[in-house]
Amino acid sequence: MILWHFHTLPCMKKTARELFAKRVRELRAERGWSQDDLADAAGLHRTYIGTIERAEQSIGLDNIEKIAHALKVPIFELLRE
């Protein structure tokens, strides 16, 4: 018997947390920034950025705003597929 984790099902949409994580990684990489660079620009800890990019942790609205500001994008851009 095979048990599927909901993240592995191809028909399932990504959660907001997963979309956010993917976009932050993409935007950070486009800028050639390390997680340390983004953390410094956003005023957050580098290990926190890692947990956010791995979708391991929920993120508060204030920190979403800090990351958007650091990346110079509107908040909605961080949830775009």
PDB file of N, CA and C in Angstrom:
ATOM      1  N   MET A   1       0.845  -1.179   0.000  1.00  0.00           N
ATOM      2  CA  MET A   1       0.000   0.000   0.000  1.00  0.00           C
ATOM      3  C   MET A   1       0.888   1.239   0.000  1.00  0.00           C
ATOM      4  N   ILE A   2       0.604   2.173  -0.887  1.00  0.00           N
ATOM      5  CA  ILE A   2       1.382   3.407  -0.995  1.00  0.00           C
ATOM      6  C   ILE A   2       0.592   4.535  -0.358  1.00  0.00           C
ATOM      7  N   LEU A   3       1.219   5.233   0.550  1.00  0.00           N
ATOM      8  CA  LEU A   3       0.612   6.414   1.154  1.00  0.00           C
ATOM      9  C   LEU A   3       1.247   7.639   0.529  1.00  0.00           C
ATOM     10  N   TRP A   4       0.411   8.559   0.091  1.00  0.00           N
ATOM     11  CA  TRP A   4       0.902   9.771  -0.550  1.00  0.00           C
ATOM     12  C   TRP A   4       0.858  10.923   0.418  1.00  0.00           C
ATOM     13  N   HIS A   5       1.902  11.657   0.476  1.00  0.00           N
ATOM     14  CA  HIS A   5       1.906  12.919   1.212  1.00  0.00           C
ATOM     15  C   HIS A   5       1.264  13.944   0.285  1.00  0.00           C
ATOM     16  N   PHE A   6       0.421  14.829   0.803  1.00  0.00           N
ATOM     17  CA  PHE A   6      -0.306  15.748  -0.071  1.00  0.00           C
ATOM     18  C   PHE A   6       0.607  16.600  -0.936  1.00  0.00           C
ATOM     19  N   HIS A   7       1.844  16.835  -0.523  1.00  0.00           N
ATOM     20  CA  HIS A   7       2.761  17.649  -1.325  1.00  0.00           C
ATOM     21  C   HIS A   7       3.228  16.918  -2.576  1.00  0.00           C
ATOM     22  N   THR A   8       3.086  15.604  -2.616  1.00  0.00           N
ATOM     23  CA  THR A   8       3.591  14.849  -3.764  1.00  0.00           C
ATOM     24  C   THR A   8       2.540  14.618  -4.823  1.00  0.00           C
ATOM     25  N   LEU A   9       1.296  14.926  -4.537  1.00  0.00           N
ATOM     26  CA  LEU A   9       0.253  14.714  -5.520  1.00  0.00           C
ATOM     27  C   LEU A   9       0.314  15.788  -6.597  1.00  0.00           C
ATOM     28  N   PRO A  10       0.416  15.395  -7.853  1.00  0.00           N
ATOM     29  CA  PRO A  10       0.568  16.385  -8.922  1.00  0.00           C
ATOM     30  C   PRO A  10      -0.659  17.269  -9.103  1.00  0.00           C
ATOM     31  N   CYS A  11      -1.831  16.814  -8.703  1.00  0.00           N
ATOM     32  CA  CYS A  11      -3.034  17.601  -8.929  1.00  0.00           C
ATOM     33  C   CYS A  11      -3.281  18.632  -7.825  1.00  0.00           C
ATOM     34  N   MET A  12      -2.512  18.568  -6.760  1.00  0.00           N
ATOM     35  CA  MET A  12      -2.714  19.478  -5.636  1.00  0.00           C
ATOM     36  C   MET A  12      -1.966  20.785  -5.880  1.00  0.00           C
ATOM     37  N   LYS A  13      -2.629  21.885  -5.588  1.00  0.00           N
ATOM     38  CA  LYS A  13      -1.981  23.192  -5.689  1.00  0.00           C
ATOM     39  C   LYS A  13      -1.045  23.387  -4.507  1.00  0.00           C
ATOM     40  N   LYS A  14      -0.057  24.233  -4.698  1.00  0.00           N
ATOM     41  CA  LYS A  14       0.855  24.544  -3.611  1.00  0.00           C
ATOM     42  C   LYS A  14       0.160  25.413  -2.586  1.00  0.00           C
ATOM     43  N   THR A  15       0.582  25.266  -1.353  1.00  0.00           N
ATOM     44  CA  THR A  15       0.052  26.110  -0.295  1.00  0.00           C
ATOM     45  C   THR A  15       0.640  27.514  -0.434  1.00  0.00           C
ATOM     46  N   ALA A  16       0.029  28.475   0.223  1.00  0.00           N
ATOM     47  CA  ALA A  16       0.552  29.847   0.208  1.00  0.00           C
ATOM     48  C   ALA A  16       1.975  29.866   0.746  1.00  0.00           C
ATOM     49  N   ARG A  17       2.240  29.074   1.765  1.00  0.00           N
ATOM     50  CA  ARG A  17       3.591  29.013   2.339  1.00  0.00           C
ATOM     51  C   ARG A  17       4.589  28.506   1.306  1.00  0.00           C
ATOM     52  N   GLU A  18       4.208  27.490   0.538  1.00  0.00           N
ATOM     53  CA  GLU A  18       5.102  26.945  -0.487  1.00  0.00           C
ATOM     54  C   GLU A  18       5.308  27.930  -1.633  1.00  0.00           C
ATOM     55  N   LEU A  19       4.242  28.602  -2.051  1.00  0.00           N
ATOM     56  CA  LEU A  19       4.379  29.625  -3.095  1.00  0.00           C
ATOM     57  C   LEU A  19       5.309  30.739  -2.645  1.00  0.00           C
ATOM     58  N   PHE A  20       5.107  31.198  -1.411  1.00  0.00           N
ATOM     59  CA  PHE A  20       5.939  32.262  -0.859  1.00  0.00           C
ATOM     60  C   PHE A  20       7.404  31.826  -0.838  1.00  0.00           C
ATOM     61  N   ALA A  21       7.656  30.621  -0.357  1.00  0.00           N
ATOM     62  CA  ALA A  21       9.028  30.102  -0.265  1.00  0.00           C
ATOM     63  C   ALA A  21       9.685  30.070  -1.637  1.00  0.00           C
ATOM     64  N   LYS A  22       8.957  29.560  -2.621  1.00  0.00           N
ATOM     65  CA  LYS A  22       9.495  29.452  -3.985  1.00  0.00           C
ATOM     66  C   LYS A  22       9.814  30.824  -4.555  1.00  0.00           C
ATOM     67  N   ARG A  23       8.904  31.775  -4.395  1.00  0.00           N
ATOM     68  CA  ARG A  23       9.121  33.119  -4.953  1.00  0.00           C
ATOM     69  C   ARG A  23      10.274  33.832  -4.270  1.00  0.00           C
ATOM     70  N   VAL A  24      10.385  33.700  -2.952  1.00  0.00           N
ATOM     71  CA  VAL A  24      11.499  34.342  -2.253  1.00  0.00           C
ATOM     72  C   VAL A  24      12.818  33.773  -2.775  1.00  0.00           C
ATOM     73  N   ARG A  25      12.908  32.450  -2.900  1.00  0.00           N
ATOM     74  CA  ARG A  25      14.130  31.825  -3.436  1.00  0.00           C
ATOM     75  C   ARG A  25      14.428  32.333  -4.847  1.00  0.00           C
ATOM     76  N   GLU A  26      13.396  32.371  -5.706  1.00  0.00           N
ATOM     77  CA  GLU A  26      13.595  32.821  -7.088  1.00  0.00           C
ATOM     78  C   GLU A  26      14.068  34.265  -7.146  1.00  0.00           C
ATOM     79  N   LEU A  27      13.392  35.139  -6.427  1.00  0.00           N
ATOM     80  CA  LEU A  27      13.745  36.563  -6.461  1.00  0.00           C
ATOM     81  C   LEU A  27      15.120  36.813  -5.860  1.00  0.00           C
ATOM     82  N   ARG A  28      15.439  36.090  -4.802  1.00  0.00           N
ATOM     83  CA  ARG A  28      16.765  36.217  -4.192  1.00  0.00           C
ATOM     84  C   ARG A  28      17.841  35.769  -5.181  1.00  0.00           C
ATOM     85  N   ALA A  29      17.605  34.629  -5.835  1.00  0.00           N
ATOM     86  CA  ALA A  29      18.576  34.098  -6.794  1.00  0.00           C
ATOM     87  C   ALA A  29      18.740  35.022  -7.997  1.00  0.00           C
ATOM     88  N   GLU A  30      17.632  35.624  -8.471  1.00  0.00           N
ATOM     89  CA  GLU A  30      17.708  36.569  -9.590  1.00  0.00           C
ATOM     90  C   GLU A  30      18.647  37.725  -9.276  1.00  0.00           C
ATOM     91  N   ARG A  31      18.708  38.084  -8.024  1.00  0.00           N
ATOM     92  CA  ARG A  31      19.561  39.200  -7.607  1.00  0.00           C
ATOM     93  C   ARG A  31      20.983  38.757  -7.290  1.00  0.00           C
ATOM     94  N   GLY A  32      21.207  37.451  -7.326  1.00  0.00           N
ATOM     95  CA  GLY A  32      22.531  36.922  -7.009  1.00  0.00           C
ATOM     96  C   GLY A  32      22.854  37.020  -5.528  1.00  0.00           C
ATOM     97  N   TRP A  33      21.820  37.064  -4.703  1.00  0.00           N
ATOM     98  CA  TRP A  33      21.999  37.214  -3.259  1.00  0.00           C
ATOM     99  C   TRP A  33      22.055  35.858  -2.578  1.00  0.00           C
ATOM    100  N   SER A  34      22.837  35.796  -1.522  1.00  0.00           N
ATOM    101  CA  SER A  34      22.811  34.645  -0.629  1.00  0.00           C
ATOM    102  C   SER A  34      21.670  34.853   0.373  1.00  0.00           C
ATOM    103  N   GLN A  35      21.378  33.827   1.137  1.00  0.00           N
ATOM    104  CA  GLN A  35      20.392  33.988   2.205  1.00  0.00           C
ATOM    105  C   GLN A  35      20.877  35.034   3.209  1.00  0.00           C
ATOM    106  N   ASP A  36      22.178  35.077   3.442  1.00  0.00           N
ATOM    107  CA  ASP A  36      22.745  36.094   4.339  1.00  0.00           C
ATOM    108  C   ASP A  36      22.477  37.500   3.802  1.00  0.00           C
ATOM    109  N   ASP A  37      22.646  37.678   2.498  1.00  0.00           N
ATOM    110  CA  ASP A  37      22.405  38.991   1.889  1.00  0.00           C
ATOM    111  C   ASP A  37      20.957  39.428   2.085  1.00  0.00           C
ATOM    112  N   LEU A  38      20.024  38.512   1.816  1.00  0.00           N
ATOM    113  CA  LEU A  38      18.617  38.842   1.989  1.00  0.00           C
ATOM    114  C   LEU A  38      18.300  39.126   3.451  1.00  0.00           C
ATOM    115  N   ALA A  39      18.834  38.304   4.332  1.00  0.00           N
ATOM    116  CA  ALA A  39      18.602  38.512   5.764  1.00  0.00           C
ATOM    117  C   ALA A  39      19.087  39.889   6.191  1.00  0.00           C
ATOM    118  N   ASP A  40      20.277  40.277   5.761  1.00  0.00           N
ATOM    119  CA  ASP A  40      20.813  41.597   6.104  1.00  0.00           C
ATOM    120  C   ASP A  40      19.930  42.713   5.559  1.00  0.00           C
ATOM    121  N   ALA A  41      19.500  42.582   4.310  1.00  0.00           N
ATOM    122  CA  ALA A  41      18.684  43.620   3.682  1.00  0.00           C
ATOM    123  C   ALA A  41      17.315  43.740   4.349  1.00  0.00           C
ATOM    124  N   ALA A  42      16.794  42.612   4.853  1.00  0.00           N
ATOM    125  CA  ALA A  42      15.462  42.610   5.463  1.00  0.00           C
ATOM    126  C   ALA A  42      15.499  42.817   6.975  1.00  0.00           C
ATOM    127  N   GLY A  43      16.698  42.785   7.557  1.00  0.00           N
ATOM    128  CA  GLY A  43      16.804  42.921   9.008  1.00  0.00           C
ATOM    129  C   GLY A  43      16.316  41.685   9.748  1.00  0.00           C
ATOM    130  N   LEU A  44      16.535  40.523   9.137  1.00  0.00           N
ATOM    131  CA  LEU A  44      16.116  39.255   9.731  1.00  0.00           C
ATOM    132  C   LEU A  44      17.324  38.341   9.885  1.00  0.00           C
ATOM    133  N   HIS A  45      17.171  37.267  10.633  1.00  0.00           N
ATOM    134  CA  HIS A  45      18.278  36.334  10.837  1.00  0.00           C
ATOM    135  C   HIS A  45      18.381  35.388   9.642  1.00  0.00           C
ATOM    136  N   ARG A  46      19.596  35.023   9.278  1.00  0.00           N
ATOM    137  CA  ARG A  46      19.813  34.180   8.091  1.00  0.00           C
ATOM    138  C   ARG A  46      19.177  32.808   8.240  1.00  0.00           C
ATOM    139  N   THR A  47      19.171  32.233   9.435  1.00  0.00           N
ATOM    140  CA  THR A  47      18.555  30.916   9.600  1.00  0.00           C
ATOM    141  C   THR A  47      17.041  31.002   9.439  1.00  0.00           C
ATOM    142  N   TYR A  48      16.465  32.145   9.791  1.00  0.00           N
ATOM    143  CA  TYR A  48      15.031  32.359   9.606  1.00  0.00           C
ATOM    144  C   TYR A  48      14.699  32.390   8.119  1.00  0.00           C
ATOM    145  N   ILE A  49      15.527  33.047   7.324  1.00  0.00           N
ATOM    146  CA  ILE A  49      15.321  33.077   5.871  1.00  0.00           C
ATOM    147  C   ILE A  49      15.348  31.650   5.322  1.00  0.00           C
ATOM    148  N   GLY A  50      16.264  30.831   5.802  1.00  0.00           N
ATOM    149  CA  GLY A  50      16.330  29.433   5.363  1.00  0.00           C
ATOM    150  C   GLY A  50      15.062  28.669   5.671  1.00  0.00           C
ATOM    151  N   THR A  51      14.527  28.847   6.868  1.00  0.00           N
ATOM    152  CA  THR A  51      13.290  28.128   7.217  1.00  0.00           C
ATOM    153  C   THR A  51      12.119  28.612   6.380  1.00  0.00           C
ATOM    154  N   ILE A  52      12.118  29.894   6.053  1.00  0.00           N
ATOM    155  CA  ILE A  52      11.055  30.443   5.202  1.00  0.00           C
ATOM    156  C   ILE A  52      11.177  29.859   3.792  1.00  0.00           C
ATOM    157  N   GLU A  53      12.380  29.818   3.241  1.00  0.00           N
ATOM    158  CA  GLU A  53      12.583  29.315   1.883  1.00  0.00           C
ATOM    159  C   GLU A  53      12.320  27.819   1.766  1.00  0.00           C
ATOM    160  N   ARG A  54      12.398  27.099   2.849  1.00  0.00           N
ATOM    161  CA  ARG A  54      12.080  25.669   2.841  1.00  0.00           C
ATOM    162  C   ARG A  54      10.624  25.415   3.227  1.00  0.00           C
ATOM    163  N   ALA A  55       9.860  26.479   3.413  1.00  0.00           N
ATOM    164  CA  ALA A  55       8.437  26.395   3.786  1.00  0.00           C
ATOM    165  C   ALA A  55       8.247  25.614   5.076  1.00  0.00           C
ATOM    166  N   GLU A  56       9.196  25.724   5.980  1.00  0.00           N
ATOM    167  CA  GLU A  56       9.129  25.001   7.248  1.00  0.00           C
ATOM    168  C   GLU A  56       8.393  25.778   8.331  1.00  0.00           C
ATOM    169  N   GLN A  57       8.189  27.045   8.106  1.00  0.00           N
ATOM    170  CA  GLN A  57       7.661  27.899   9.150  1.00  0.00           C
ATOM    171  C   GLN A  57       6.707  28.921   8.552  1.00  0.00           C
ATOM    172  N   SER A  58       5.654  29.224   9.290  1.00  0.00           N
ATOM    173  CA  SER A  58       4.765  30.313   8.881  1.00  0.00           C
ATOM    174  C   SER A  58       5.509  31.629   9.081  1.00  0.00           C
ATOM    175  N   ILE A  59       5.071  32.624   8.362  1.00  0.00           N
ATOM    176  CA  ILE A  59       5.730  33.927   8.454  1.00  0.00           C
ATOM    177  C   ILE A  59       4.678  34.985   8.750  1.00  0.00           C
ATOM    178  N   GLY A  60       5.024  35.899   9.616  1.00  0.00           N
ATOM    179  CA  GLY A  60       4.117  36.985   9.959  1.00  0.00           C
ATOM    180  C   GLY A  60       4.108  38.068   8.896  1.00  0.00           C
ATOM    181  N   LEU A  61       3.042  38.834   8.892  1.00  0.00           N
ATOM    182  CA  LEU A  61       2.875  39.890   7.886  1.00  0.00           C
ATOM    183  C   LEU A  61       3.983  40.935   7.963  1.00  0.00           C
ATOM    184  N   ASP A  62       4.433  41.277   9.149  1.00  0.00           N
ATOM    185  CA  ASP A  62       5.521  42.258   9.270  1.00  0.00           C
ATOM    186  C   ASP A  62       6.786  41.761   8.582  1.00  0.00           C
ATOM    187  N   ASN A  63       7.080  40.471   8.725  1.00  0.00           N
ATOM    188  CA  ASN A  63       8.279  39.925   8.087  1.00  0.00           C
ATOM    189  C   ASN A  63       8.099  39.756   6.580  1.00  0.00           C
ATOM    190  N   ILE A  64       6.886  39.476   6.140  1.00  0.00           N
ATOM    191  CA  ILE A  64       6.605  39.452   4.698  1.00  0.00           C
ATOM    192  C   ILE A  64       6.901  40.830   4.116  1.00  0.00           C
ATOM    193  N   GLU A  65       6.452  41.852   4.818  1.00  0.00           N
ATOM    194  CA  GLU A  65       6.683  43.227   4.366  1.00  0.00           C
ATOM    195  C   GLU A  65       8.176  43.543   4.327  1.00  0.00           C
ATOM    196  N   LYS A  66       8.930  43.097   5.317  1.00  0.00           N
ATOM    197  CA  LYS A  66      10.382  43.340   5.339  1.00  0.00           C
ATOM    198  C   LYS A  66      11.069  42.678   4.151  1.00  0.00           C
ATOM    199  N   ILE A  67      10.665  41.445   3.846  1.00  0.00           N
ATOM    200  CA  ILE A  67      11.277  40.726   2.730  1.00  0.00           C
ATOM    201  C   ILE A  67      10.905  41.385   1.402  1.00  0.00           C
ATOM    202  N   ALA A  68       9.643  41.755   1.247  1.00  0.00           N
ATOM    203  CA  ALA A  68       9.215  42.438   0.022  1.00  0.00           C
ATOM    204  C   ALA A  68       9.987  43.740  -0.159  1.00  0.00           C
ATOM    205  N   HIS A  69      10.127  44.503   0.914  1.00  0.00           N
ATOM    206  CA  HIS A  69      10.857  45.769   0.850  1.00  0.00           C
ATOM    207  C   HIS A  69      12.322  45.518   0.463  1.00  0.00           C
ATOM    208  N   ALA A  70      12.934  44.522   1.081  1.00  0.00           N
ATOM    209  CA  ALA A  70      14.338  44.208   0.775  1.00  0.00           C
ATOM    210  C   ALA A  70      14.511  43.810  -0.688  1.00  0.00           C
ATOM    211  N   LEU A  71      13.540  43.049  -1.218  1.00  0.00           N
ATOM    212  CA  LEU A  71      13.605  42.605  -2.613  1.00  0.00           C
ATOM    213  C   LEU A  71      13.068  43.651  -3.592  1.00  0.00           C
ATOM    214  N   LYS A  72      12.514  44.734  -3.037  1.00  0.00           N
ATOM    215  CA  LYS A  72      11.965  45.837  -3.840  1.00  0.00           C
ATOM    216  C   LYS A  72      10.840  45.358  -4.772  1.00  0.00           C
ATOM    217  N   VAL A  73       9.920  44.576  -4.185  1.00  0.00           N
ATOM    218  CA  VAL A  73       8.742  44.107  -4.917  1.00  0.00           C
ATOM    219  C   VAL A  73       7.513  44.334  -4.040  1.00  0.00           C
ATOM    220  N   PRO A  74       6.332  44.472  -4.668  1.00  0.00           N
ATOM    221  CA  PRO A  74       5.116  44.547  -3.867  1.00  0.00           C
ATOM    222  C   PRO A  74       4.850  43.199  -3.196  1.00  0.00           C
ATOM    223  N   ILE A  75       4.177  43.233  -2.073  1.00  0.00           N
ATOM    224  CA  ILE A  75       3.915  42.000  -1.319  1.00  0.00           C
ATOM    225  C   ILE A  75       3.253  40.941  -2.185  1.00  0.00           C
ATOM    226  N   PHE A  76       2.277  41.327  -3.012  1.00  0.00           N
ATOM    227  CA  PHE A  76       1.564  40.318  -3.809  1.00  0.00           C
ATOM    228  C   PHE A  76       2.499  39.545  -4.724  1.00  0.00           C
ATOM    229  N   GLU A  77       3.622  40.135  -5.102  1.00  0.00           N
ATOM    230  CA  GLU A  77       4.584  39.463  -5.977  1.00  0.00           C
ATOM    231  C   GLU A  77       5.183  38.219  -5.303  1.00  0.00           C
ATOM    232  N   LEU A  78       5.191  38.214  -3.987  1.00  0.00           N
ATOM    233  CA  LEU A  78       5.769  37.087  -3.252  1.00  0.00           C
ATOM    234  C   LEU A  78       4.839  35.878  -3.209  1.00  0.00           C
ATOM    235  N   LEU A  79       3.612  36.029  -3.669  1.00  0.00           N
ATOM    236  CA  LEU A  79       2.653  34.916  -3.672  1.00  0.00           C
ATOM    237  C   LEU A  79       2.236  34.511  -5.085  1.00  0.00           C
ATOM    238  N   ARG A  80       2.895  35.087  -6.068  1.00  0.00           N
ATOM    239  CA  ARG A  80       2.582  34.779  -7.467  1.00  0.00           C
ATOM    240  C   ARG A  80       3.213  33.464  -7.872  1.00  0.00           C
ATOM    241  N   GLU A  81       2.476  32.683  -8.675  1.00  0.00           N
ATOM    242  CA  GLU A  81       3.041  31.420  -9.188  1.00  0.00           C
ATOM    243  C   GLU A  81       3.940  31.670 -10.366  1.00  0.00           C
TER     244      GLU A  81
END
